[in-house]
PDB file of N, CA and C in Angstrom:
ATOM      1  N   MET A   1     -47.641  63.345 -26.418  1.00  0.00           N
ATOM      2  CA  MET A   1     -47.546  62.013 -25.859  1.00  0.00           C
ATOM      3  C   MET A   1     -47.295  62.107 -24.358  1.00  0.00           C
ATOM      4  N   TYR A   2     -47.809  61.144 -23.667  1.00  0.00           N
ATOM      5  CA  TYR A   2     -47.540  61.055 -22.248  1.00  0.00           C
ATOM      6  C   TYR A   2     -47.453  59.585 -21.871  1.00  0.00           C
ATOM      7  N   ALA A   3     -46.868  59.315 -20.746  1.00  0.00           N
ATOM      8  CA  ALA A   3     -46.692  57.930 -20.303  1.00  0.00           C
ATOM      9  C   ALA A   3     -47.273  57.776 -18.908  1.00  0.00           C
ATOM     10  N   LEU A   4     -47.776  56.615 -18.654  1.00  0.00           N
ATOM     11  CA  LEU A   4     -48.259  56.282 -17.324  1.00  0.00           C
ATOM     12  C   LEU A   4     -47.224  55.417 -16.633  1.00  0.00           C
ATOM     13  N   LYS A   5     -46.903  55.761 -15.412  1.00  0.00           N
ATOM     14  CA  LYS A   5     -45.946  54.987 -14.645  1.00  0.00           C
ATOM     15  C   LYS A   5     -46.707  54.294 -13.527  1.00  0.00           C
ATOM     16  N   LEU A   6     -46.656  52.975 -13.539  1.00  0.00           N
ATOM     17  CA  LEU A   6     -47.382  52.196 -12.549  1.00  0.00           C
ATOM     18  C   LEU A   6     -46.414  51.398 -11.694  1.00  0.00           C
ATOM     19  N   GLU A   7     -46.781  51.192 -10.470  1.00  0.00           N
ATOM     20  CA  GLU A   7     -45.990  50.365  -9.570  1.00  0.00           C
ATOM     21  C   GLU A   7     -46.876  49.228  -9.080  1.00  0.00           C
ATOM     22  N   LEU A   8     -46.379  48.004  -9.247  1.00  0.00           N
ATOM     23  CA  LEU A   8     -47.122  46.844  -8.768  1.00  0.00           C
ATOM     24  C   LEU A   8     -46.846  46.648  -7.286  1.00  0.00           C
ATOM     25  N   LYS A   9     -47.885  46.447  -6.537  1.00  0.00           N
ATOM     26  CA  LYS A   9     -47.720  46.151  -5.113  1.00  0.00           C
ATOM     27  C   LYS A   9     -48.045  44.675  -4.935  1.00  0.00           C
ATOM     28  N   LEU A  10     -46.998  43.859  -4.956  1.00  0.00           N
ATOM     29  CA  LEU A  10     -47.145  42.412  -4.935  1.00  0.00           C
ATOM     30  C   LEU A  10     -46.903  41.863  -3.534  1.00  0.00           C
ATOM     31  N   ASN A  11     -47.625  40.789  -3.225  1.00  0.00           N
ATOM     32  CA  ASN A  11     -47.310  40.094  -1.982  1.00  0.00           C
ATOM     33  C   ASN A  11     -46.203  39.079  -2.271  1.00  0.00           C
ATOM     34  N   ASN A  12     -45.775  38.335  -1.267  1.00  0.00           N
ATOM     35  CA  ASN A  12     -44.634  37.428  -1.430  1.00  0.00           C
ATOM     36  C   ASN A  12     -44.901  36.325  -2.446  1.00  0.00           C
ATOM     37  N   VAL A  13     -46.112  35.790  -2.470  1.00  0.00           N
ATOM     38  CA  VAL A  13     -46.442  34.714  -3.410  1.00  0.00           C
ATOM     39  C   VAL A  13     -46.396  35.240  -4.843  1.00  0.00           C
ATOM     40  N   GLU A  14     -47.002  36.381  -5.079  1.00  0.00           N
ATOM     41  CA  GLU A  14     -47.007  36.968  -6.420  1.00  0.00           C
ATOM     42  C   GLU A  14     -45.599  37.340  -6.862  1.00  0.00           C
ATOM     43  N   ARG A  15     -44.810  37.866  -5.938  1.00  0.00           N
ATOM     44  CA  ARG A  15     -43.438  38.260  -6.258  1.00  0.00           C
ATOM     45  C   ARG A  15     -42.601  37.042  -6.659  1.00  0.00           C
ATOM     46  N   SER A  16     -42.763  35.930  -5.940  1.00  0.00           N
ATOM     47  CA  SER A  16     -41.983  34.733  -6.262  1.00  0.00           C
ATOM     48  C   SER A  16     -42.440  34.120  -7.585  1.00  0.00           C
ATOM     49  N   ARG A  17     -43.724  34.154  -7.883  1.00  0.00           N
ATOM     50  CA  ARG A  17     -44.213  33.631  -9.168  1.00  0.00           C
ATOM     51  C   ARG A  17     -43.715  34.480 -10.326  1.00  0.00           C
ATOM     52  N   LEU A  18     -43.710  35.786 -10.149  1.00  0.00           N
ATOM     53  CA  LEU A  18     -43.221  36.680 -11.195  1.00  0.00           C
ATOM     54  C   LEU A  18     -41.726  36.467 -11.424  1.00  0.00           C
ATOM     55  N   ALA A  19     -40.973  36.274 -10.356  1.00  0.00           N
ATOM     56  CA  ALA A  19     -39.541  36.013 -10.489  1.00  0.00           C
ATOM     57  C   ALA A  19     -39.301  34.682 -11.191  1.00  0.00           C
ATOM     58  N   GLY A  20     -40.138  33.683 -10.901  1.00  0.00           N
ATOM     59  CA  GLY A  20     -40.007  32.392 -11.568  1.00  0.00           C
ATOM     60  C   GLY A  20     -40.252  32.492 -13.056  1.00  0.00           C
ATOM     61  N   CYS A  21     -41.224  33.300 -13.456  1.00  0.00           N
ATOM     62  CA  CYS A  21     -41.492  33.507 -14.888  1.00  0.00           C
ATOM     63  C   CYS A  21     -40.306  34.182 -15.556  1.00  0.00           C
ATOM     64  N   ALA A  22     -39.719  35.158 -14.898  1.00  0.00           N
ATOM     65  CA  ALA A  22     -38.580  35.870 -15.471  1.00  0.00           C
ATOM     66  C   ALA A  22     -37.393  34.929 -15.647  1.00  0.00           C
ATOM     67  N   GLU A  23     -37.165  34.030 -14.692  1.00  0.00           N
ATOM     68  CA  GLU A  23     -36.075  33.073 -14.815  1.00  0.00           C
ATOM     69  C   GLU A  23     -36.312  32.137 -15.993  1.00  0.00           C
ATOM     70  N   PHE A  24     -37.553  31.693 -16.190  1.00  0.00           N
ATOM     71  CA  PHE A  24     -37.866  30.785 -17.293  1.00  0.00           C
ATOM     72  C   PHE A  24     -37.656  31.472 -18.635  1.00  0.00           C
ATOM     73  N   TYR A  25     -38.117  32.705 -18.779  1.00  0.00           N
ATOM     74  CA  TYR A  25     -37.948  33.424 -20.041  1.00  0.00           C
ATOM     75  C   TYR A  25     -36.478  33.685 -20.331  1.00  0.00           C
ATOM     76  N   ARG A  26     -35.686  33.942 -19.294  1.00  0.00           N
ATOM     77  CA  ARG A  26     -34.253  34.140 -19.479  1.00  0.00           C
ATOM     78  C   ARG A  26     -33.607  32.846 -19.985  1.00  0.00           C
ATOM     79  N   PHE A  27     -34.038  31.704 -19.430  1.00  0.00           N
ATOM     80  CA  PHE A  27     -33.522  30.410 -19.874  1.00  0.00           C
ATOM     81  C   PHE A  27     -33.860  30.168 -21.343  1.00  0.00           C
ATOM     82  N   VAL A  28     -35.098  30.430 -21.733  1.00  0.00           N
ATOM     83  CA  VAL A  28     -35.529  30.216 -23.119  1.00  0.00           C
ATOM     84  C   VAL A  28     -34.748  31.124 -24.065  1.00  0.00           C
ATOM     85  N   TYR A  29     -34.554  32.388 -23.689  1.00  0.00           N
ATOM     86  CA  TYR A  29     -33.803  33.325 -24.528  1.00  0.00           C
ATOM     87  C   TYR A  29     -32.364  32.855 -24.704  1.00  0.00           C
ATOM     88  N   ASN A  30     -31.720  32.464 -23.602  1.00  0.00           N
ATOM     89  CA  ASN A  30     -30.332  32.014 -23.677  1.00  0.00           C
ATOM     90  C   ASN A  30     -30.206  30.735 -24.498  1.00  0.00           C
ATOM     91  N   PHE A  31     -31.174  29.827 -24.377  1.00  0.00           N
ATOM     92  CA  PHE A  31     -31.157  28.591 -25.153  1.00  0.00           C
ATOM     93  C   PHE A  31     -31.281  28.901 -26.644  1.00  0.00           C
ATOM     94  N   GLY A  32     -32.200  29.773 -27.006  1.00  0.00           N
ATOM     95  CA  GLY A  32     -32.358  30.162 -28.405  1.00  0.00           C
ATOM     96  C   GLY A  32     -31.125  30.863 -28.944  1.00  0.00           C
ATOM     97  N   LEU A  33     -30.517  31.702 -28.127  1.00  0.00           N
ATOM     98  CA  LEU A  33     -29.303  32.398 -28.543  1.00  0.00           C
ATOM     99  C   LEU A  33     -28.166  31.414 -28.775  1.00  0.00           C
ATOM    100  N   SER A  34     -28.051  30.407 -27.924  1.00  0.00           N
ATOM    101  CA  SER A  34     -26.994  29.413 -28.114  1.00  0.00           C
ATOM    102  C   SER A  34     -27.233  28.595 -29.380  1.00  0.00           C
ATOM    103  N   LEU A  35     -28.497  28.277 -29.689  1.00  0.00           N
ATOM    104  CA  LEU A  35     -28.791  27.572 -30.941  1.00  0.00           C
ATOM    105  C   LEU A  35     -28.399  28.418 -32.145  1.00  0.00           C
ATOM    106  N   LEU A  36     -28.680  29.706 -32.080  1.00  0.00           N
ATOM    107  CA  LEU A  36     -28.336  30.608 -33.176  1.00  0.00           C
ATOM    108  C   LEU A  36     -26.827  30.703 -33.351  1.00  0.00           C
ATOM    109  N   LYS A  37     -26.103  30.853 -32.248  1.00  0.00           N
ATOM    110  CA  LYS A  37     -24.643  30.944 -32.330  1.00  0.00           C
ATOM    111  C   LYS A  37     -24.036  29.646 -32.849  1.00  0.00           C
ATOM    112  N   ASP A  38     -24.578  28.504 -32.421  1.00  0.00           N
ATOM    113  CA  ASP A  38     -24.073  27.220 -32.905  1.00  0.00           C
ATOM    114  C   ASP A  38     -24.341  27.043 -34.393  1.00  0.00           C
ATOM    115  N   SER A  39     -25.433  27.588 -34.888  1.00  0.00           N
ATOM    116  CA  SER A  39     -25.743  27.447 -36.315  1.00  0.00           C
ATOM    117  C   SER A  39     -24.762  28.237 -37.174  1.00  0.00           C
ATOM    118  N   TRP A  40     -24.134  29.247 -36.620  1.00  0.00           N
ATOM    119  CA  TRP A  40     -23.166  30.034 -37.382  1.00  0.00           C
ATOM    120  C   TRP A  40     -21.902  29.234 -37.682  1.00  0.00           C
ATOM    121  N   SER A  41     -21.628  28.193 -36.904  1.00  0.00           N
ATOM    122  CA  SER A  41     -20.403  27.423 -37.110  1.00  0.00           C
ATOM    123  C   SER A  41     -20.528  26.439 -38.269  1.00  0.00           C
ATOM    124  N   PHE A  42     -21.733  26.216 -38.792  1.00  0.00           N
ATOM    125  CA  PHE A  42     -21.903  25.328 -39.936  1.00  0.00           C
ATOM    126  C   PHE A  42     -21.326  25.986 -41.182  1.00  0.00           C
ATOM    127  N   SER A  43     -20.739  25.177 -42.044  1.00  0.00           N
ATOM    128  CA  SER A  43     -20.180  25.738 -43.277  1.00  0.00           C
ATOM    129  C   SER A  43     -21.309  26.118 -44.229  1.00  0.00           C
ATOM    130  N   GLY A  44     -21.134  27.206 -44.912  1.00  0.00           N
ATOM    131  CA  GLY A  44     -22.126  27.667 -45.871  1.00  0.00           C
ATOM    132  C   GLY A  44     -23.194  28.564 -45.280  1.00  0.00           C
ATOM    133  N   VAL A  45     -23.120  28.860 -43.986  1.00  0.00           N
ATOM    134  CA  VAL A  45     -24.104  29.735 -43.349  1.00  0.00           C
ATOM    135  C   VAL A  45     -23.440  31.082 -43.110  1.00  0.00           C
ATOM    136  N   ASN A  46     -24.025  32.140 -43.625  1.00  0.00           N
ATOM    137  CA  ASN A  46     -23.471  33.483 -43.437  1.00  0.00           C
ATOM    138  C   ASN A  46     -23.882  34.038 -42.094  1.00  0.00           C
ATOM    139  N   LYS A  47     -22.985  34.802 -41.500  1.00  0.00           N
ATOM    140  CA  LYS A  47     -23.281  35.419 -40.203  1.00  0.00           C
ATOM    141  C   LYS A  47     -24.109  36.653 -40.388  1.00  0.00           C
TER     142      LYS A  47
END
């Protein structure tokens, strides 16, 4: 097995768009995690 290591050479516009996508995905993940944690507080639901 071998791996390829690539480096993206982004300009400022591409870098800011990529950072914006990462922020959105982090928000969605945290929102889903909070829904999951809140569902554990219901009675009758096993952790």
